[in-house]
Structures are given as C-alpha cells and as structure tokens.
Amino acid sequence: MIPDWLHIVSICMVLAGLGSFLYLLVKVVRHPQHMGVMNVVWPITGLYAGPLAIWFYERYGRLGRDDIAKAAMERDEPMPHMAETPYAAKIGKGATHCGAGCTLGDIIAETLAFMVPAVALWFGYKTIFADKIFAVWILDYILAFLFGIAFQYASIKPMNPDMGAGQALIASLKADTLSLTSWQVGMYGFMALAHFAIFGALLGVALDVSMVEFWAAMQIAMICGFITAYPVNRWLIGRGIKEAM
C-alpha cells in the first residue's frame, strides 16, 4: 500500500513541475533566449527540477536575446551574460541542455510503452528481459540520444555558421554522447531503486506510468541524472569538447 502522505507529496511534486514548466515557458516566450534551443531547454528543466529550475533561470538565464543585445551595445561586449555567469553555472547549463533531451525522450518512451504495450515486446520484454522496465529503458535511451544530439546540434550550428552540417553533427556526437549517457545512468539508477526496492520490496506495489508516484520518482531520477552528468560536463568543457553555455 502506498501511504497517503507519499501520494500527496507526489501530487505536489508533479504539480510543482507542471507549474514551473508553464512559468518558464511564459518567460522564454516573452524574453526569447540568445541561444534558441534554450527556449525549449528551460521549460523542460522546470518539469523535473520545479522551483529549482525557476531559481536557476532567474539567477543565470533570464536575459533574453534583446536584453543581451542592448547590454552588448552599452558595454561593447559581444556576450556580457557569459562573462557574468560563474563557471559552475555554465557547467550546470550544459548539463540541463543535455538533460532536456533525456527528459523529453524518456517521457515519450514511457508514455508510448504504456499506451502501446507491444512496444516493450519489440525491445525484448519477455524474450530477453523478465521485467518490462529494462526493455523500455532501451527505447528511453534511443529517444533520449536522438533528442539530445538534436538539441546539441541546434546549439553548435548557430554558434559556428561556417561549420558544415556533417561537421556540426560529429561535434554534437562528441559533445553529447558521454554527457547524455552519464545522465541516463543516474536516472536509471534511481528508477531501479524506486521500482525494485522502494515500491516493489518495501511497499509491495508495482510502480506504473499511470501512477502519479511514477512521475514524481522520475523527477527525482532526473535530478540524479543531473548529478551524474555534471562532472562529465565539467570534464568535456574543460577539454574543449563541449562549449560552455
């Protein structure tokens, strides 16, 4: 049995995520980001990080492209917000950039596998895996990878207009593959803990996509993904493989 307090907390977490998504969506519509892909990244980050995403945006990401252009004219600086953003926050932005692709891919994969049960069978459920969760994780990773690379491409190409499409794609693969994989490791780790230990063994309940507790657990899992991806992004940026944001 799921305790009432856990059910209520889960509802509050999901509602906070949805509210943060809407808040950040309104913000980026009113003040479009200098880097276009961040108009998508910020609201998606709000889905799992909730008020933390709003704080991060207000502190380090609220300058829109018009604000930056105005500040650049006044100070004669091309990107004043970059100079003012602490290095640690730049790494955090890089991680959320990757995390947005992971989050979007995971949401679509989990929902699709729930609505079309045959999808899990296509990825090995009952033939390779005894538990459905592992089969869905394969689809999770594929979609997260595709979205993550697309988001990375959308940031690299505009910053390097002279770079060919093929070169930009290769650069995106180099910049995001390790980052995205490290994010998924953290996400899978917590979801496995929630699925098998907390809900399965402790509460005796099968954690399912139709449950609000599943999505609350996914929010925590995404934060765990951020934690595991952060040091990898630090290394990638330090090596010049990925650009600071």
Protein backbone atom coordinates (compact mmCIF):
# COMPACT_ATOMS: atom_id res chain seq x y z
CA MET A 1 0.00 0.00 0.00
CA ILE A 2 1.16 3.50 -0.83
CA PRO A 3 0.95 5.80 2.24
CA ASP A 4 -1.38 8.77 1.88
CA TRP A 5 1.45 11.18 2.66
CA LEU A 6 3.54 9.79 -0.20
CA HIS A 7 0.62 10.12 -2.61
CA ILE A 8 0.04 13.74 -1.56
CA VAL A 9 3.74 14.59 -1.80
CA SER A 10 3.88 13.02 -5.26
CA ILE A 11 0.90 15.09 -6.45
CA CYS A 12 2.51 18.27 -5.11
CA MET A 13 5.81 17.45 -6.83
CA VAL A 14 4.18 16.83 -10.20
CA LEU A 15 2.03 19.96 -9.93
CA ALA A 16 5.12 22.00 -8.99
CA GLY A 17 6.87 20.64 -12.06
CA LEU A 18 3.97 21.50 -14.35
CA GLY A 19 3.65 24.95 -12.81
CA SER A 20 7.38 25.58 -13.24
CA PHE A 21 7.14 24.40 -16.84
CA LEU A 22 4.38 26.92 -17.56
CA TYR A 23 6.20 29.73 -15.73
CA LEU A 24 9.40 29.19 -17.68
CA LEU A 25 7.51 28.76 -20.94
CA VAL A 26 5.91 32.17 -20.48
CA LYS A 27 9.30 33.66 -19.59
CA VAL A 28 11.07 32.41 -22.72
CA VAL A 29 8.15 33.41 -24.94
CA ARG A 30 8.29 36.94 -23.58
CA HIS A 31 12.08 37.05 -23.48
CA PRO A 32 13.47 34.64 -26.11
CA GLN A 33 16.92 33.27 -25.27
CA HIS A 34 20.01 34.30 -27.21
CA MET A 35 20.55 30.61 -27.98
CA GLY A 36 17.26 29.44 -29.48
CA VAL A 37 17.38 25.88 -28.18
CA MET A 38 17.33 27.18 -24.60
CA ASN A 39 13.75 28.32 -25.23
CA VAL A 40 12.96 24.61 -25.15
CA VAL A 41 15.50 23.58 -22.51
CA TRP A 42 14.36 25.91 -19.74
CA PRO A 43 10.67 24.83 -19.64
CA ILE A 44 11.61 21.14 -19.85
CA THR A 45 14.03 21.62 -16.97
CA GLY A 46 11.12 23.02 -14.97
CA LEU A 47 9.23 19.74 -15.41
CA TYR A 48 11.63 17.82 -13.18
CA ALA A 49 13.51 20.47 -11.21
CA GLY A 50 10.45 22.57 -10.36
CA PRO A 51 11.23 25.70 -8.30
CA LEU A 52 14.97 24.92 -8.52
CA ALA A 53 14.75 25.43 -12.28
CA ILE A 54 12.99 28.76 -11.78
CA TRP A 55 15.71 29.89 -9.35
CA PHE A 56 18.45 28.83 -11.76
CA TYR A 57 16.76 30.62 -14.65
CA GLU A 58 16.16 33.83 -12.71
CA ARG A 59 19.74 33.82 -11.45
CA TYR A 60 21.66 32.81 -14.57
CA GLY A 61 19.37 32.53 -17.58
CA ARG A 62 16.72 35.25 -17.57
CA LEU A 63 18.49 37.56 -20.02
CA GLY A 64 16.73 37.30 -23.37
CA ARG A 65 18.39 37.97 -26.71
CA ASP A 66 17.09 41.55 -26.77
CA ASP A 67 18.46 42.18 -23.27
CA ILE A 68 21.84 40.78 -24.30
CA ALA A 69 21.97 42.84 -27.48
CA LYS A 70 21.16 46.01 -25.53
CA ALA A 71 23.79 45.25 -22.89
CA ALA A 72 26.33 44.45 -25.58
CA MET A 73 25.79 47.88 -27.21
CA GLU A 74 26.10 49.64 -23.87
CA ARG A 75 29.23 47.78 -22.77
CA ASP A 76 30.72 46.99 -26.16
CA GLU A 77 30.78 43.29 -25.22
CA PRO A 78 29.53 40.51 -27.52
CA MET A 79 28.08 38.25 -24.80
CA PRO A 80 28.02 40.04 -21.43
CA HIS A 81 25.96 37.30 -19.72
CA MET A 82 28.74 34.78 -20.37
CA ALA A 83 31.27 36.92 -18.55
CA GLU A 84 28.95 37.35 -15.58
CA THR A 85 27.92 33.68 -15.26
CA PRO A 86 30.08 31.64 -12.84
CA TYR A 87 31.90 28.69 -14.37
CA ALA A 88 29.94 26.24 -12.20
CA ALA A 89 26.66 27.66 -13.54
CA LYS A 90 27.90 27.35 -17.13
CA ILE A 91 28.55 23.67 -16.49
CA GLY A 92 25.08 23.37 -14.97
CA LYS A 93 23.54 24.90 -18.10
CA GLY A 94 25.44 22.42 -20.21
CA ALA A 95 24.06 19.57 -18.13
CA THR A 96 20.46 20.83 -18.32
CA HIS A 97 20.88 21.21 -22.08
CA CYS A 98 21.70 17.50 -22.29
CA GLY A 99 19.06 16.68 -19.67
CA ALA A 100 16.28 18.28 -21.69
CA GLY A 101 16.84 15.77 -24.48
CA CYS A 102 16.92 12.93 -21.95
CA THR A 103 13.75 14.14 -20.24
CA LEU A 104 11.81 14.56 -23.46
CA GLY A 105 12.94 11.18 -24.77
CA ASP A 106 12.11 9.42 -21.51
CA ILE A 107 8.64 10.95 -21.24
CA ILE A 108 7.76 9.94 -24.80
CA ALA A 109 9.22 6.43 -24.43
CA GLU A 110 7.50 5.68 -21.13
CA THR A 111 4.16 7.03 -22.35
CA LEU A 112 4.38 5.19 -25.67
CA ALA A 113 5.26 1.88 -24.00
CA PHE A 114 2.31 2.31 -21.64
CA MET A 115 -0.20 3.19 -24.35
CA VAL A 116 1.11 0.58 -26.81
CA PRO A 117 2.18 -2.47 -24.75
CA ALA A 118 3.62 -4.17 -27.83
CA VAL A 119 6.42 -1.60 -27.86
CA ALA A 120 8.04 -3.22 -24.80
CA LEU A 121 7.86 -6.58 -26.55
CA TRP A 122 9.70 -5.15 -29.56
CA PHE A 123 12.58 -4.18 -27.29
CA GLY A 124 12.96 -7.54 -25.60
CA TYR A 125 10.33 -7.79 -22.88
CA LYS A 126 9.55 -11.48 -22.15
CA THR A 127 12.18 -12.67 -24.65
CA ILE A 128 15.33 -11.04 -23.29
CA PHE A 129 14.12 -9.28 -20.14
CA ALA A 130 11.83 -10.68 -17.48
CA ASP A 131 10.96 -7.19 -16.27
CA LYS A 132 9.37 -4.64 -18.61
CA ILE A 133 11.42 -1.78 -17.18
CA PHE A 134 14.63 -2.91 -18.88
CA ALA A 135 13.04 -3.17 -22.32
CA VAL A 136 11.56 0.31 -22.00
CA TRP A 137 14.94 1.66 -20.91
CA ILE A 138 16.35 0.70 -24.32
CA LEU A 139 13.69 2.80 -26.04
CA ASP A 140 14.30 5.52 -23.44
CA TYR A 141 17.96 5.68 -24.35
CA ILE A 142 17.38 5.68 -28.12
CA LEU A 143 14.90 8.56 -28.00
CA ALA A 144 16.92 10.47 -25.41
CA PHE A 145 20.01 10.09 -27.59
CA LEU A 146 18.21 11.37 -30.70
CA PHE A 147 16.71 14.36 -28.89
CA GLY A 148 19.96 15.09 -27.06
CA ILE A 149 22.02 15.13 -30.25
CA ALA A 150 19.39 17.27 -31.98
CA PHE A 151 19.48 19.79 -29.12
CA GLN A 152 23.28 19.84 -29.17
CA TYR A 153 23.29 20.36 -32.94
CA ALA A 154 20.83 23.22 -32.51
CA SER A 155 23.33 24.94 -30.21
CA ILE A 156 26.57 24.17 -32.07
CA LYS A 157 25.49 25.07 -35.61
CA PRO A 158 24.26 28.62 -34.86
CA MET A 159 27.47 29.36 -32.92
CA ASN A 160 29.56 28.07 -35.84
CA PRO A 161 27.75 29.17 -39.03
CA ASP A 162 30.74 28.30 -41.22
CA MET A 163 30.73 24.70 -39.99
CA GLY A 164 29.20 22.18 -42.36
CA ALA A 165 26.18 20.13 -41.34
CA GLY A 166 28.26 16.93 -41.16
CA GLN A 167 30.92 18.59 -39.04
CA ALA A 168 28.30 20.02 -36.70
CA LEU A 169 26.71 16.58 -36.34
CA ILE A 170 30.06 14.97 -35.49
CA ALA A 171 30.78 17.75 -32.99
CA SER A 172 27.33 17.16 -31.45
CA LEU A 173 28.02 13.45 -31.10
CA LYS A 174 31.36 14.15 -29.42
CA ALA A 175 29.87 16.75 -27.08
CA ASP A 176 26.70 14.96 -26.03
CA THR A 177 27.13 11.18 -26.21
CA LEU A 178 29.10 10.84 -22.98
CA SER A 179 27.12 13.56 -21.24
CA LEU A 180 23.79 12.03 -22.19
CA THR A 181 24.89 8.53 -21.21
CA SER A 182 26.07 9.70 -17.80
CA TRP A 183 22.70 11.41 -17.29
CA GLN A 184 20.82 8.23 -18.14
CA VAL A 185 22.99 6.27 -15.70
CA GLY A 186 21.84 8.48 -12.83
CA MET A 187 18.25 8.36 -13.98
CA TYR A 188 18.21 4.58 -14.42
CA GLY A 189 19.92 4.12 -11.07
CA PHE A 190 17.24 5.92 -9.09
CA MET A 191 14.35 4.44 -11.09
CA ALA A 192 15.73 0.97 -10.42
CA LEU A 193 15.89 1.80 -6.71
CA ALA A 194 12.32 3.13 -6.76
CA HIS A 195 10.95 0.29 -8.88
CA PHE A 196 12.57 -2.69 -7.17
CA ALA A 197 13.43 -1.56 -3.63
CA ILE A 198 11.11 1.24 -2.52
CA PHE A 199 7.84 0.35 -4.26
CA GLY A 200 8.43 -3.32 -5.06
CA ALA A 201 10.08 -4.69 -1.93
CA LEU A 202 9.16 -2.12 0.73
CA LEU A 203 5.63 -1.11 -0.30
CA GLY A 204 4.68 -4.19 -2.32
CA VAL A 205 3.38 -2.09 -5.21
CA ALA A 206 4.26 -2.25 -8.90
CA LEU A 207 5.36 1.25 -9.95
CA ASP A 208 3.45 2.10 -13.09
CA VAL A 209 3.32 5.00 -15.56
CA SER A 210 -0.34 5.55 -14.72
CA MET A 211 0.61 6.44 -11.13
CA VAL A 212 1.48 9.96 -10.03
CA GLU A 213 4.18 8.38 -7.86
CA PHE A 214 5.92 7.17 -11.02
CA TRP A 215 6.28 10.69 -12.37
CA ALA A 216 7.37 12.06 -9.00
CA ALA A 217 10.04 9.35 -8.90
CA MET A 218 11.02 10.29 -12.44
CA GLN A 219 11.52 13.90 -11.32
CA ILE A 220 13.94 12.75 -8.63
CA ALA A 221 15.59 10.42 -11.13
CA MET A 222 16.23 13.32 -13.49
CA ILE A 223 17.87 15.30 -10.70
CA CYS A 224 20.06 12.25 -10.06
CA GLY A 225 20.85 12.34 -13.78
CA PHE A 226 21.95 15.94 -13.44
CA ILE A 227 24.25 14.95 -10.56
CA THR A 228 25.93 12.16 -12.52
CA ALA A 229 26.18 14.26 -15.69
CA TYR A 230 27.62 17.37 -14.01
CA PRO A 231 31.21 16.11 -13.53
CA VAL A 232 31.19 14.65 -17.05
CA ASN A 233 30.12 18.03 -18.46
CA ARG A 234 32.85 19.70 -16.42
CA TRP A 235 35.42 17.36 -17.98
CA LEU A 236 34.01 17.82 -21.51
CA ILE A 237 34.02 21.62 -21.21
CA GLY A 238 37.47 21.63 -19.64
CA ARG A 239 38.80 19.56 -22.56
CA GLY A 240 37.16 21.86 -25.11
CA ILE A 241 34.95 19.04 -26.40
CA LYS A 242 31.82 20.89 -25.30
CA GLU A 243 31.36 24.65 -25.21
CA ALA A 244 30.42 26.47 -22.02
CA MET A 245 26.94 27.99 -22.11
